[in-house]
């Protein structure tokens, strides 16, 4: 044992200086948090892009399917009972269906329409 001032210290052991910065555990935790942030932020944006693209593709597919169903129904009604055409397309336009439906004749004139009128 050596004498260091008024206290006795074991031989071979040096006096520790006061800590001035964060400890090793804190440094490791901060480094891991930084790595996770660098890894997951781009991943979040990539997943968001894929989700948005999938959602848009689904909406487009649903709109096409709705259009085909309405067109088939309108064609059937037009062939069998032309007087019921307005009533039929009105049933397809609204909150539960298409926003607006228009039926055009062979010379491209509007035969029947339902939904809000287009702005001029």
PDB file of N, CA and C in Angstrom:
ATOM      1  N   UNK A   1       0.832  -1.179   0.000  1.00  0.00           N
ATOM      2  CA  UNK A   1       0.000   0.000   0.000  1.00  0.00           C
ATOM      3  C   UNK A   1       0.873   1.237   0.000  1.00  0.00           C
ATOM      4  N   UNK A   2       0.365   2.208  -0.723  1.00  0.00           N
ATOM      5  CA  UNK A   2       1.112   3.462  -0.756  1.00  0.00           C
ATOM      6  C   UNK A   2       0.315   4.539  -0.052  1.00  0.00           C
ATOM      7  N   UNK A   3       0.990   5.529   0.335  1.00  0.00           N
ATOM      8  CA  UNK A   3       0.339   6.612   1.062  1.00  0.00           C
ATOM      9  C   UNK A   3       0.119   7.754   0.081  1.00  0.00           C
ATOM     10  N   UNK A   4      -1.091   8.174  -0.070  1.00  0.00           N
ATOM     11  CA  UNK A   4      -1.423   9.281  -0.954  1.00  0.00           C
ATOM     12  C   UNK A   4      -2.178  10.323  -0.185  1.00  0.00           C
ATOM     13  N   UNK A   5      -1.527  11.257   0.359  1.00  0.00           N
ATOM     14  CA  UNK A   5      -2.183  12.253   1.188  1.00  0.00           C
ATOM     15  C   UNK A   5      -2.496  11.642   2.533  1.00  0.00           C
ATOM     16  N   UNK A   6      -3.734  11.708   2.958  1.00  0.00           N
ATOM     17  CA  UNK A   6      -4.135  11.158   4.241  1.00  0.00           C
ATOM     18  C   UNK A   6      -4.721   9.767   4.114  1.00  0.00           C
ATOM     19  N   UNK A   7      -5.018   9.338   2.871  1.00  0.00           N
ATOM     20  CA  UNK A   7      -5.657   8.029   2.681  1.00  0.00           C
ATOM     21  C   UNK A   7      -4.647   7.025   2.205  1.00  0.00           C
ATOM     22  N   UNK A   8      -4.953   5.782   2.517  1.00  0.00           N
ATOM     23  CA  UNK A   8      -4.132   4.680   2.035  1.00  0.00           C
ATOM     24  C   UNK A   8      -4.784   4.103   0.799  1.00  0.00           C
ATOM     25  N   UNK A   9      -4.007   3.850  -0.250  1.00  0.00           N
ATOM     26  CA  UNK A   9      -4.518   3.251  -1.471  1.00  0.00           C
ATOM     27  C   UNK A   9      -3.800   1.947  -1.716  1.00  0.00           C
ATOM     28  N   UNK A  10      -4.494   0.951  -2.306  1.00  0.00           N
ATOM     29  CA  UNK A  10      -3.821  -0.310  -2.608  1.00  0.00           C
ATOM     30  C   UNK A  10      -2.705  -0.068  -3.618  1.00  0.00           C
ATOM     31  N   UNK A  11      -1.650  -0.842  -3.527  1.00  0.00           N
ATOM     32  CA  UNK A  11      -0.512  -0.682  -4.426  1.00  0.00           C
ATOM     33  C   UNK A  11      -0.919  -1.039  -5.844  1.00  0.00           C
ATOM     34  N   UNK A  12      -0.480  -0.341  -6.864  1.00  0.00           N
ATOM     35  CA  UNK A  12      -0.747  -0.619  -8.254  1.00  0.00           C
ATOM     36  C   UNK A  12      -2.044  -0.009  -8.760  1.00  0.00           C
ATOM     37  N   UNK A  13      -2.862   0.486  -7.897  1.00  0.00           N
ATOM     38  CA  UNK A  13      -4.124   1.083  -8.331  1.00  0.00           C
ATOM     39  C   UNK A  13      -3.950   2.585  -8.428  1.00  0.00           C
ATOM     40  N   UNK A  14      -4.362   3.120  -9.573  1.00  0.00           N
ATOM     41  CA  UNK A  14      -4.198   4.551  -9.770  1.00  0.00           C
ATOM     42  C   UNK A  14      -5.482   5.265  -9.381  1.00  0.00           C
ATOM     43  N   UNK A  15      -5.329   6.459  -9.057  1.00  0.00           N
ATOM     44  CA  UNK A  15      -6.473   7.280  -8.697  1.00  0.00           C
ATOM     45  C   UNK A  15      -7.272   7.612  -9.959  1.00  0.00           C
ATOM     46  N   UNK A  16      -8.603   7.450  -9.925  1.00  0.00           N
ATOM     47  CA  UNK A  16      -9.449   7.777 -11.079  1.00  0.00           C
ATOM     48  C   UNK A  16      -9.709   9.266 -11.111  1.00  0.00           C
ATOM     49  N   UNK A  17      -9.654   9.806 -12.350  1.00  0.00           N
ATOM     50  CA  UNK A  17      -9.961  11.221 -12.474  1.00  0.00           C
ATOM     51  C   UNK A  17     -11.480  11.393 -12.541  1.00  0.00           C
ATOM     52  N   UNK A  18     -11.955  12.563 -12.255  1.00  0.00           N
ATOM     53  CA  UNK A  18     -13.394  12.832 -12.289  1.00  0.00           C
ATOM     54  C   UNK A  18     -13.893  12.709 -13.732  1.00  0.00           C
ATOM     55  N   UNK A  19     -15.084  12.126 -13.895  1.00  0.00           N
ATOM     56  CA  UNK A  19     -15.659  11.970 -15.237  1.00  0.00           C
ATOM     57  C   UNK A  19     -16.076  13.319 -15.785  1.00  0.00           C
ATOM     58  N   UNK A  20     -15.766  13.517 -17.045  1.00  0.00           N
ATOM     59  CA  UNK A  20     -16.145  14.785 -17.675  1.00  0.00           C
ATOM     60  C   UNK A  20     -17.185  14.603 -18.761  1.00  0.00           C
ATOM     61  N   UNK A  21     -17.384  13.380 -19.242  1.00  0.00           N
ATOM     62  CA  UNK A  21     -18.334  13.137 -20.323  1.00  0.00           C
ATOM     63  C   UNK A  21     -19.232  11.965 -19.986  1.00  0.00           C
ATOM     64  N   UNK A  22     -20.124  11.604 -20.929  1.00  0.00           N
ATOM     65  CA  UNK A  22     -21.021  10.471 -20.674  1.00  0.00           C
ATOM     66  C   UNK A  22     -20.228   9.166 -20.585  1.00  0.00           C
ATOM     67  N   UNK A  23     -20.791   8.237 -19.855  1.00  0.00           N
ATOM     68  CA  UNK A  23     -20.139   6.949 -19.677  1.00  0.00           C
ATOM     69  C   UNK A  23     -20.236   6.088 -20.931  1.00  0.00           C
ATOM     70  N   UNK A  24     -19.584   4.945 -20.870  1.00  0.00           N
ATOM     71  CA  UNK A  24     -19.528   4.031 -22.014  1.00  0.00           C
ATOM     72  C   UNK A  24     -20.914   3.492 -22.358  1.00  0.00           C
ATOM     73  N   UNK A  25     -21.705   3.159 -21.379  1.00  0.00           N
ATOM     74  CA  UNK A  25     -23.056   2.629 -21.646  1.00  0.00           C
ATOM     75  C   UNK A  25     -23.919   3.670 -22.356  1.00  0.00           C
ATOM     76  N   UNK A  26     -23.834   4.903 -21.900  1.00  0.00           N
ATOM     77  CA  UNK A  26     -24.616   5.970 -22.532  1.00  0.00           C
ATOM     78  C   UNK A  26     -24.159   6.169 -23.970  1.00  0.00           C
ATOM     79  N   UNK A  27     -22.874   6.117 -24.205  1.00  0.00           N
ATOM     80  CA  UNK A  27     -22.352   6.263 -25.559  1.00  0.00           C
ATOM     81  C   UNK A  27     -22.828   5.133 -26.459  1.00  0.00           C
ATOM     82  N   UNK A  28     -22.841   3.911 -25.946  1.00  0.00           N
ATOM     83  CA  UNK A  28     -23.310   2.757 -26.730  1.00  0.00           C
ATOM     84  C   UNK A  28     -24.796   2.907 -27.046  1.00  0.00           C
ATOM     85  N   UNK A  29     -25.581   3.293 -26.056  1.00  0.00           N
ATOM     86  CA  UNK A  29     -27.029   3.465 -26.280  1.00  0.00           C
ATOM     87  C   UNK A  29     -27.282   4.568 -27.306  1.00  0.00           C
ATOM     88  N   UNK A  30     -26.564   5.665 -27.206  1.00  0.00           N
ATOM     89  CA  UNK A  30     -26.743   6.753 -28.175  1.00  0.00           C
ATOM     90  C   UNK A  30     -26.310   6.334 -29.575  1.00  0.00           C
ATOM     91  N   UNK A  31     -25.236   5.566 -29.671  1.00  0.00           N
ATOM     92  CA  UNK A  31     -24.789   5.087 -30.987  1.00  0.00           C
ATOM     93  C   UNK A  31     -25.819   4.146 -31.598  1.00  0.00           C
ATOM     94  N   UNK A  32     -26.377   3.234 -30.796  1.00  0.00           N
ATOM     95  CA  UNK A  32     -27.410   2.324 -31.309  1.00  0.00           C
ATOM     96  C   UNK A  32     -28.665   3.088 -31.721  1.00  0.00           C
ATOM     97  N   UNK A  33     -29.028   4.099 -30.943  1.00  0.00           N
ATOM     98  CA  UNK A  33     -30.205   4.902 -31.301  1.00  0.00           C
ATOM     99  C   UNK A  33     -29.958   5.627 -32.626  1.00  0.00           C
ATOM    100  N   UNK A  34     -28.755   6.130 -32.829  1.00  0.00           N
ATOM    101  CA  UNK A  34     -28.431   6.798 -34.091  1.00  0.00           C
ATOM    102  C   UNK A  34     -28.479   5.859 -35.270  1.00  0.00           C
ATOM    103  N   UNK A  35     -27.957   4.656 -35.085  1.00  0.00           N
ATOM    104  CA  UNK A  35     -27.983   3.668 -36.167  1.00  0.00           C
ATOM    105  C   UNK A  35     -29.415   3.271 -36.490  1.00  0.00           C
ATOM    106  N   UNK A  36     -30.229   3.077 -35.453  1.00  0.00           N
ATOM    107  CA  UNK A  36     -31.633   2.723 -35.688  1.00  0.00           C
ATOM    108  C   UNK A  36     -32.359   3.851 -36.409  1.00  0.00           C
ATOM    109  N   UNK A  37     -32.080   5.084 -36.029  1.00  0.00           N
ATOM    110  CA  UNK A  37     -32.718   6.219 -36.689  1.00  0.00           C
ATOM    111  C   UNK A  37     -32.311   6.297 -38.154  1.00  0.00           C
ATOM    112  N   UNK A  38     -31.039   6.100 -38.429  1.00  0.00           N
ATOM    113  CA  UNK A  38     -30.570   6.128 -39.811  1.00  0.00           C
ATOM    114  C   UNK A  38     -31.127   4.981 -40.639  1.00  0.00           C
ATOM    115  N   UNK A  39     -31.433   3.862 -40.004  1.00  0.00           N
ATOM    116  CA  UNK A  39     -31.947   2.703 -40.735  1.00  0.00           C
ATOM    117  C   UNK A  39     -33.456   2.767 -40.928  1.00  0.00           C
ATOM    118  N   UNK A  40     -34.199   3.195 -39.897  1.00  0.00           N
ATOM    119  CA  UNK A  40     -35.654   3.088 -39.950  1.00  0.00           C
ATOM    120  C   UNK A  40     -36.356   4.278 -40.567  1.00  0.00           C
ATOM    121  N   UNK A  41     -35.768   5.444 -40.569  1.00  0.00           N
ATOM    122  CA  UNK A  41     -36.426   6.588 -41.203  1.00  0.00           C
ATOM    123  C   UNK A  41     -36.564   6.380 -42.712  1.00  0.00           C
ATOM    124  N   UNK A  42     -35.514   5.984 -43.444  1.00  0.00           N
ATOM    125  CA  UNK A  42     -35.711   5.701 -44.876  1.00  0.00           C
ATOM    126  C   UNK A  42     -36.657   4.526 -45.111  1.00  0.00           C
ATOM    127  N   UNK A  43     -36.611   3.541 -44.229  1.00  0.00           N
ATOM    128  CA  UNK A  43     -37.513   2.399 -44.359  1.00  0.00           C
ATOM    129  C   UNK A  43     -38.963   2.839 -44.210  1.00  0.00           C
ATOM    130  N   UNK A  44     -39.220   3.751 -43.266  1.00  0.00           N
ATOM    131  CA  UNK A  44     -40.578   4.267 -43.083  1.00  0.00           C
ATOM    132  C   UNK A  44     -41.076   4.934 -44.360  1.00  0.00           C
ATOM    133  N   UNK A  45     -40.238   5.779 -44.969  1.00  0.00           N
ATOM    134  CA  UNK A  45     -40.664   6.465 -46.186  1.00  0.00           C
ATOM    135  C   UNK A  45     -40.845   5.494 -47.350  1.00  0.00           C
ATOM    136  N   UNK A  46     -40.019   4.462 -47.419  1.00  0.00           N
ATOM    137  CA  UNK A  46     -40.175   3.461 -48.484  1.00  0.00           C
ATOM    138  C   UNK A  46     -41.490   2.715 -48.323  1.00  0.00           C
ATOM    139  N   UNK A  47     -41.813   2.328 -47.101  1.00  0.00           N
ATOM    140  CA  UNK A  47     -43.072   1.616 -46.860  1.00  0.00           C
ATOM    141  C   UNK A  47     -44.258   2.532 -47.129  1.00  0.00           C
ATOM    142  N   UNK A  48     -44.141   3.804 -46.783  1.00  0.00           N
ATOM    143  CA  UNK A  48     -45.224   4.747 -47.055  1.00  0.00           C
ATOM    144  C   UNK A  48     -45.465   4.889 -48.559  1.00  0.00           C
ATOM    145  N   UNK A  49     -44.398   4.925 -49.350  1.00  0.00           N
ATOM    146  CA  UNK A  49     -44.546   5.031 -50.803  1.00  0.00           C
ATOM    147  C   UNK A  49     -45.219   3.790 -51.383  1.00  0.00           C
ATOM    148  N   UNK A  50     -44.801   2.622 -50.923  1.00  0.00           N
ATOM    149  CA  UNK A  50     -45.393   1.373 -51.418  1.00  0.00           C
ATOM    150  C   UNK A  50     -46.871   1.306 -51.025  1.00  0.00           C
ATOM    151  N   UNK A  51     -47.186   1.717 -49.815  1.00  0.00           N
ATOM    152  CA  UNK A  51     -48.580   1.712 -49.362  1.00  0.00           C
ATOM    153  C   UNK A  51     -49.426   2.659 -50.201  1.00  0.00           C
ATOM    154  N   UNK A  52     -48.891   3.841 -50.480  1.00  0.00           N
ATOM    155  CA  UNK A  52     -49.652   4.799 -51.282  1.00  0.00           C
ATOM    156  C   UNK A  52     -49.863   4.276 -52.703  1.00  0.00           C
ATOM    157  N   UNK A  53     -48.835   3.696 -53.294  1.00  0.00           N
ATOM    158  CA  UNK A  53     -48.966   3.152 -54.651  1.00  0.00           C
ATOM    159  C   UNK A  53     -49.983   2.021 -54.693  1.00  0.00           C
ATOM    160  N   UNK A  54     -49.953   1.160 -53.679  1.00  0.00           N
ATOM    161  CA  UNK A  54     -50.918   0.056 -53.613  1.00  0.00           C
ATOM    162  C   UNK A  54     -52.333   0.593 -53.449  1.00  0.00           C
ATOM    163  N   UNK A  55     -52.490   1.593 -52.609  1.00  0.00           N
ATOM    164  CA  UNK A  55     -53.808   2.185 -52.386  1.00  0.00           C
ATOM    165  C   UNK A  55     -54.350   2.828 -53.658  1.00  0.00           C
ATOM    166  N   UNK A  56     -53.498   3.547 -54.370  1.00  0.00           N
ATOM    167  CA  UNK A  56     -53.944   4.170 -55.621  1.00  0.00           C
ATOM    168  C   UNK A  56     -54.308   3.126 -56.672  1.00  0.00           C
ATOM    169  N   UNK A  57     -53.525   2.051 -56.741  1.00  0.00           N
ATOM    170  CA  UNK A  57     -53.835   0.976 -57.690  1.00  0.00           C
ATOM    171  C   UNK A  57     -55.165   0.312 -57.333  1.00  0.00           C
ATOM    172  N   UNK A  58     -55.409   0.122 -56.027  1.00  0.00           N
ATOM    173  CA  UNK A  58     -56.672  -0.476 -55.597  1.00  0.00           C
ATOM    174  C   UNK A  58     -57.847   0.432 -55.954  1.00  0.00           C
ATOM    175  N   UNK A  59     -57.701   1.731 -55.711  1.00  0.00           N
ATOM    176  CA  UNK A  59     -58.789   2.662 -56.022  1.00  0.00           C
ATOM    177  C   UNK A  59     -59.070   2.698 -57.522  1.00  0.00           C
ATOM    178  N   UNK A  60     -58.008   2.677 -58.324  1.00  0.00           N
ATOM    179  CA  UNK A  60     -58.191   2.690 -59.774  1.00  0.00           C
ATOM    180  C   UNK A  60     -58.892   1.418 -60.238  1.00  0.00           C
ATOM    181  N   UNK A  61     -58.503   0.293 -59.681  1.00  0.00           N
ATOM    182  CA  UNK A  61     -59.135  -0.978 -60.032  1.00  0.00           C
ATOM    183  C   UNK A  61     -60.608  -0.987 -59.619  1.00  0.00           C
ATOM    184  N   UNK A  62     -60.897  -0.460 -58.440  1.00  0.00           N
ATOM    185  CA  UNK A  62     -62.285  -0.402 -57.973  1.00  0.00           C
ATOM    186  C   UNK A  62     -63.111   0.531 -58.863  1.00  0.00           C
ATOM    187  N   UNK A  63     -62.525   1.645 -59.291  1.00  0.00           N
ATOM    188  CA  UNK A  63     -63.249   2.575 -60.168  1.00  0.00           C
ATOM    189  C   UNK A  63     -63.545   1.936 -61.522  1.00  0.00           C
ATOM    190  N   UNK A  64     -62.571   1.200 -62.047  1.00  0.00           N
ATOM    191  CA  UNK A  64     -62.807   0.517 -63.330  1.00  0.00           C
ATOM    192  C   UNK A  64     -63.893  -0.554 -63.195  1.00  0.00           C
ATOM    193  N   UNK A  65     -63.861  -1.297 -62.112  1.00  0.00           N
ATOM    194  CA  UNK A  65     -64.882  -2.333 -61.889  1.00  0.00           C
ATOM    195  C   UNK A  65     -66.269  -1.718 -61.748  1.00  0.00           C
ATOM    196  N   UNK A  66     -66.352  -0.606 -61.017  1.00  0.00           N
ATOM    197  CA  UNK A  66     -67.636   0.076 -60.872  1.00  0.00           C
ATOM    198  C   UNK A  66     -68.130   0.586 -62.216  1.00  0.00           C
ATOM    199  N   UNK A  67     -67.236   1.155 -63.007  1.00  0.00           N
ATOM    200  CA  UNK A  67     -67.617   1.652 -64.334  1.00  0.00           C
ATOM    201  C   UNK A  67     -68.127   0.545 -65.238  1.00  0.00           C
ATOM    202  N   UNK A  68     -67.452  -0.597 -65.198  1.00  0.00           N
ATOM    203  CA  UNK A  68     -67.909  -1.733 -66.029  1.00  0.00           C
ATOM    204  C   UNK A  68     -69.272  -2.245 -65.581  1.00  0.00           C
ATOM    205  N   UNK A  69     -69.487  -2.310 -64.269  1.00  0.00           N
ATOM    206  CA  UNK A  69     -70.775  -2.792 -63.759  1.00  0.00           C
ATOM    207  C   UNK A  69     -71.907  -1.842 -64.139  1.00  0.00           C
ATOM    208  N   UNK A  70     -71.662  -0.555 -63.984  1.00  0.00           N
ATOM    209  CA  UNK A  70     -72.689   0.429 -64.341  1.00  0.00           C
ATOM    210  C   UNK A  70     -72.951   0.385 -65.840  1.00  0.00           C
ATOM    211  N   UNK A  71     -71.903   0.286 -66.642  1.00  0.00           N
ATOM    212  CA  UNK A  71     -72.082   0.243 -68.101  1.00  0.00           C
ATOM    213  C   UNK A  71     -72.880  -0.977 -68.524  1.00  0.00           C
ATOM    214  N   UNK A  72     -72.617  -2.115 -67.918  1.00  0.00           N
ATOM    215  CA  UNK A  72     -73.369  -3.327 -68.261  1.00  0.00           C
ATOM    216  C   UNK A  72     -74.836  -3.178 -67.887  1.00  0.00           C
ATOM    217  N   UNK A  73     -75.095  -2.607 -66.702  1.00  0.00           N
ATOM    218  CA  UNK A  73     -76.478  -2.434 -66.270  1.00  0.00           C
ATOM    219  C   UNK A  73     -77.203  -1.427 -67.155  1.00  0.00           C
ATOM    220  N   UNK A  74     -76.532  -0.321 -67.484  1.00  0.00           N
ATOM    221  CA  UNK A  74     -77.153   0.695 -68.333  1.00  0.00           C
ATOM    222  C   UNK A  74     -77.421   0.141 -69.728  1.00  0.00           C
ATOM    223  N   UNK A  75     -76.495  -0.629 -70.270  1.00  0.00           N
ATOM    224  CA  UNK A  75     -76.700  -1.212 -71.603  1.00  0.00           C
ATOM    225  C   UNK A  75     -77.890  -2.159 -71.601  1.00  0.00           C
ATOM    226  N   UNK A  76     -78.036  -2.919 -70.533  1.00  0.00           N
ATOM    227  CA  UNK A  76     -79.170  -3.851 -70.442  1.00  0.00           C
ATOM    228  C   UNK A  76     -80.488  -3.086 -70.346  1.00  0.00           C
ATOM    229  N   UNK A  77     -80.529  -2.046 -69.520  1.00  0.00           N
ATOM    230  CA  UNK A  77     -81.762  -1.269 -69.366  1.00  0.00           C
ATOM    231  C   UNK A  77     -82.079  -0.529 -70.652  1.00  0.00           C
ATOM    232  N   UNK A  78     -81.062   0.011 -71.309  1.00  0.00           N
ATOM    233  CA  UNK A  78     -81.281   0.755 -72.544  1.00  0.00           C
ATOM    234  C   UNK A  78     -81.838  -0.146 -73.646  1.00  0.00           C
ATOM    235  N   UNK A  79     -81.406  -1.390 -73.658  1.00  0.00           N
ATOM    236  CA  UNK A  79     -81.899  -2.324 -74.673  1.00  0.00           C
ATOM    237  C   UNK A  79     -83.325  -2.779 -74.372  1.00  0.00           C
ATOM    238  N   UNK A  80     -83.658  -2.943 -73.090  1.00  0.00           N
ATOM    239  CA  UNK A  80     -84.968  -3.485 -72.724  1.00  0.00           C
ATOM    240  C   UNK A  80     -86.020  -2.418 -72.456  1.00  0.00           C
ATOM    241  N   UNK A  81     -85.669  -1.334 -71.756  1.00  0.00           N
ATOM    242  CA  UNK A  81     -86.649  -0.315 -71.371  1.00  0.00           C
ATOM    243  C   UNK A  81     -85.983   1.065 -71.373  1.00  0.00           C
ATOM    244  N   UNK A  82     -85.911   1.723 -72.513  1.00  0.00           N
ATOM    245  CA  UNK A  82     -85.222   3.019 -72.593  1.00  0.00           C
ATOM    246  C   UNK A  82     -85.833   4.101 -71.715  1.00  0.00           C
ATOM    247  N   UNK A  83     -87.086   3.956 -71.355  1.00  0.00           N
ATOM    248  CA  UNK A  83     -87.725   4.981 -70.514  1.00  0.00           C
ATOM    249  C   UNK A  83     -87.200   4.934 -69.075  1.00  0.00           C
ATOM    250  N   UNK A  84     -86.640   3.823 -68.656  1.00  0.00           N
ATOM    251  CA  UNK A  84     -86.127   3.675 -67.288  1.00  0.00           C
ATOM    252  C   UNK A  84     -84.651   4.043 -67.184  1.00  0.00           C
ATOM    253  N   UNK A  85     -84.090   4.592 -68.251  1.00  0.00           N
ATOM    254  CA  UNK A  85     -82.654   4.886 -68.267  1.00  0.00           C
ATOM    255  C   UNK A  85     -82.266   5.933 -67.219  1.00  0.00           C
ATOM    256  N   UNK A  86     -83.003   7.031 -67.136  1.00  0.00           N
ATOM    257  CA  UNK A  86     -82.693   8.087 -66.154  1.00  0.00           C
ATOM    258  C   UNK A  86     -82.751   7.543 -64.735  1.00  0.00           C
ATOM    259  N   UNK A  87     -83.778   6.784 -64.433  1.00  0.00           N
ATOM    260  CA  UNK A  87     -83.941   6.212 -63.095  1.00  0.00           C
ATOM    261  C   UNK A  87     -82.804   5.244 -62.772  1.00  0.00           C
ATOM    262  N   UNK A  88     -82.373   4.479 -63.762  1.00  0.00           N
ATOM    263  CA  UNK A  88     -81.312   3.493 -63.546  1.00  0.00           C
ATOM    264  C   UNK A  88     -79.976   4.170 -63.265  1.00  0.00           C
ATOM    265  N   UNK A  89     -79.620   5.162 -64.045  1.00  0.00           N
ATOM    266  CA  UNK A  89     -78.323   5.798 -63.795  1.00  0.00           C
ATOM    267  C   UNK A  89     -78.361   6.653 -62.531  1.00  0.00           C
ATOM    268  N   UNK A  90     -79.538   7.172 -62.175  1.00  0.00           N
ATOM    269  CA  UNK A  90     -79.655   7.917 -60.913  1.00  0.00           C
ATOM    270  C   UNK A  90     -79.420   6.992 -59.715  1.00  0.00           C
ATOM    271  N   UNK A  91     -79.791   5.728 -59.867  1.00  0.00           N
ATOM    272  CA  UNK A  91     -79.570   4.785 -58.763  1.00  0.00           C
ATOM    273  C   UNK A  91     -78.086   4.445 -58.602  1.00  0.00           C
ATOM    274  N   UNK A  92     -77.298   4.612 -59.648  1.00  0.00           N
ATOM    275  CA  UNK A  92     -75.862   4.319 -59.581  1.00  0.00           C
ATOM    276  C   UNK A  92     -75.028   5.528 -59.155  1.00  0.00           C
ATOM    277  N   UNK A  93     -75.578   6.727 -59.258  1.00  0.00           N
ATOM    278  CA  UNK A  93     -74.837   7.938 -58.892  1.00  0.00           C
ATOM    279  C   UNK A  93     -75.192   8.335 -57.468  1.00  0.00           C
ATOM    280  N   UNK A  94     -74.213   8.775 -56.732  1.00  0.00           N
ATOM    281  CA  UNK A  94     -74.453   9.213 -55.358  1.00  0.00           C
ATOM    282  C   UNK A  94     -73.319   8.790 -54.443  1.00  0.00           C
ATOM    283  N   UNK A  95     -73.578   8.826 -53.157  1.00  0.00           N
ATOM    284  CA  UNK A  95     -72.546   8.518 -52.168  1.00  0.00           C
ATOM    285  C   UNK A  95     -72.077   7.075 -52.207  1.00  0.00           C
ATOM    286  N   UNK A  96     -72.966   6.154 -52.528  1.00  0.00           N
ATOM    287  CA  UNK A  96     -72.603   4.727 -52.519  1.00  0.00           C
ATOM    288  C   UNK A  96     -72.081   4.230 -53.857  1.00  0.00           C
ATOM    289  N   UNK A  97     -72.120   5.045 -54.877  1.00  0.00           N
ATOM    290  CA  UNK A  97     -71.676   4.605 -56.203  1.00  0.00           C
ATOM    291  C   UNK A  97     -70.756   5.617 -56.835  1.00  0.00           C
ATOM    292  N   UNK A  98     -70.968   5.834 -58.110  1.00  0.00           N
ATOM    293  CA  UNK A  98     -70.144   6.788 -58.855  1.00  0.00           C
ATOM    294  C   UNK A  98     -70.566   8.213 -58.507  1.00  0.00           C
ATOM    295  N   UNK A  99     -69.649   9.154 -58.660  1.00  0.00           N
ATOM    296  CA  UNK A  99     -69.996  10.552 -58.405  1.00  0.00           C
ATOM    297  C   UNK A  99     -70.982  11.077 -59.430  1.00  0.00           C
ATOM    298  N   UNK A 100     -70.773  10.704 -60.684  1.00  0.00           N
ATOM    299  CA  UNK A 100     -71.660  11.124 -61.757  1.00  0.00           C
ATOM    300  C   UNK A 100     -71.617  10.074 -62.862  1.00  0.00           C
ATOM    301  N   UNK A 101     -72.724   9.948 -63.567  1.00  0.00           N
ATOM    302  CA  UNK A 101     -72.824   8.982 -64.663  1.00  0.00           C
ATOM    303  C   UNK A 101     -73.457   9.704 -65.851  1.00  0.00           C
ATOM    304  N   UNK A 102     -72.914   9.474 -67.031  1.00  0.00           N
ATOM    305  CA  UNK A 102     -73.483  10.036 -68.253  1.00  0.00           C
ATOM    306  C   UNK A 102     -73.523   8.947 -69.307  1.00  0.00           C
ATOM    307  N   UNK A 103     -74.609   8.912 -70.048  1.00  0.00           N
ATOM    308  CA  UNK A 103     -74.764   7.945 -71.140  1.00  0.00           C
ATOM    309  C   UNK A 103     -74.763   8.736 -72.442  1.00  0.00           C
ATOM    310  N   UNK A 104     -73.872   8.338 -73.341  1.00  0.00           N
ATOM    311  CA  UNK A 104     -73.746   9.017 -74.625  1.00  0.00           C
ATOM    312  C   UNK A 104     -74.325   8.142 -75.714  1.00  0.00           C
ATOM    313  N   UNK A 105     -74.958   8.795 -76.705  1.00  0.00           N
ATOM    314  CA  UNK A 105     -75.518   8.087 -77.838  1.00  0.00           C
ATOM    315  C   UNK A 105     -74.475   7.863 -78.929  1.00  0.00           C
ATOM    316  N   UNK A 106     -74.886   7.239 -80.045  1.00  0.00           N
ATOM    317  CA  UNK A 106     -73.951   6.940 -81.125  1.00  0.00           C
ATOM    318  C   UNK A 106     -73.319   8.190 -81.746  1.00  0.00           C
ATOM    319  N   UNK A 107     -74.033   9.307 -81.743  1.00  0.00           N
ATOM    320  CA  UNK A 107     -73.476  10.539 -82.320  1.00  0.00           C
ATOM    321  C   UNK A 107     -72.845  11.430 -81.239  1.00  0.00           C
ATOM    322  N   UNK A 108     -72.479  10.839 -80.112  1.00  0.00           N
ATOM    323  CA  UNK A 108     -71.776  11.489 -78.998  1.00  0.00           C
ATOM    324  C   UNK A 108     -72.582  12.569 -78.298  1.00  0.00           C
ATOM    325  N   UNK A 109     -73.882  12.506 -78.367  1.00  0.00           N
ATOM    326  CA  UNK A 109     -74.717  13.427 -77.607  1.00  0.00           C
ATOM    327  C   UNK A 109     -75.081  12.752 -76.288  1.00  0.00           C
ATOM    328  N   UNK A 110     -75.339  13.553 -75.259  1.00  0.00           N
ATOM    329  CA  UNK A 110     -75.698  13.007 -73.942  1.00  0.00           C
ATOM    330  C   UNK A 110     -77.146  12.553 -73.999  1.00  0.00           C
ATOM    331  N   UNK A 111     -77.354  11.254 -73.751  1.00  0.00           N
ATOM    332  CA  UNK A 111     -78.689  10.683 -73.745  1.00  0.00           C
ATOM    333  C   UNK A 111     -79.314  10.827 -72.357  1.00  0.00           C
ATOM    334  N   UNK A 112     -78.522  10.567 -71.327  1.00  0.00           N
ATOM    335  CA  UNK A 112     -79.013  10.676 -69.944  1.00  0.00           C
ATOM    336  C   UNK A 112     -77.808  10.940 -69.046  1.00  0.00           C
ATOM    337  N   UNK A 113     -78.072  11.614 -67.931  1.00  0.00           N
ATOM    338  CA  UNK A 113     -76.987  11.878 -66.970  1.00  0.00           C
ATOM    339  C   UNK A 113     -77.565  11.954 -65.561  1.00  0.00           C
ATOM    340  N   UNK A 114     -76.686  11.672 -64.605  1.00  0.00           N
ATOM    341  CA  UNK A 114     -77.054  11.772 -63.183  1.00  0.00           C
ATOM    342  C   UNK A 114     -75.826  12.259 -62.425  1.00  0.00           C
ATOM    343  N   UNK A 115     -76.060  12.977 -61.356  1.00  0.00           N
ATOM    344  CA  UNK A 115     -74.974  13.530 -60.576  1.00  0.00           C
ATOM    345  C   UNK A 115     -74.849  15.018 -60.818  1.00  0.00           C
ATOM    346  N   UNK A 116     -73.855  15.652 -60.238  1.00  0.00           N
ATOM    347  CA  UNK A 116     -73.711  17.107 -60.408  1.00  0.00           C
ATOM    348  C   UNK A 116     -73.352  17.463 -61.844  1.00  0.00           C
ATOM    349  N   UNK A 117     -73.858  18.597 -62.266  1.00  0.00           N
ATOM    350  CA  UNK A 117     -73.591  19.073 -63.629  1.00  0.00           C
ATOM    351  C   UNK A 117     -72.143  19.571 -63.725  1.00  0.00           C
ATOM    352  N   UNK A 118     -71.505  19.385 -64.878  1.00  0.00           N
ATOM    353  CA  UNK A 118     -70.136  19.886 -65.028  1.00  0.00           C
ATOM    354  C   UNK A 118     -70.127  21.398 -65.073  1.00  0.00           C
ATOM    355  N   UNK A 119     -69.021  21.968 -64.568  1.00  0.00           N
ATOM    356  CA  UNK A 119     -68.874  23.436 -64.601  1.00  0.00           C
ATOM    357  C   UNK A 119     -68.458  23.884 -65.981  1.00  0.00           C
ATOM    358  N   UNK A 120     -69.013  24.984 -66.424  1.00  0.00           N
ATOM    359  CA  UNK A 120     -68.686  25.504 -67.764  1.00  0.00           C
ATOM    360  C   UNK A 120     -67.531  26.460 -67.718  1.00  0.00           C
TER     361      UNK A 120
END
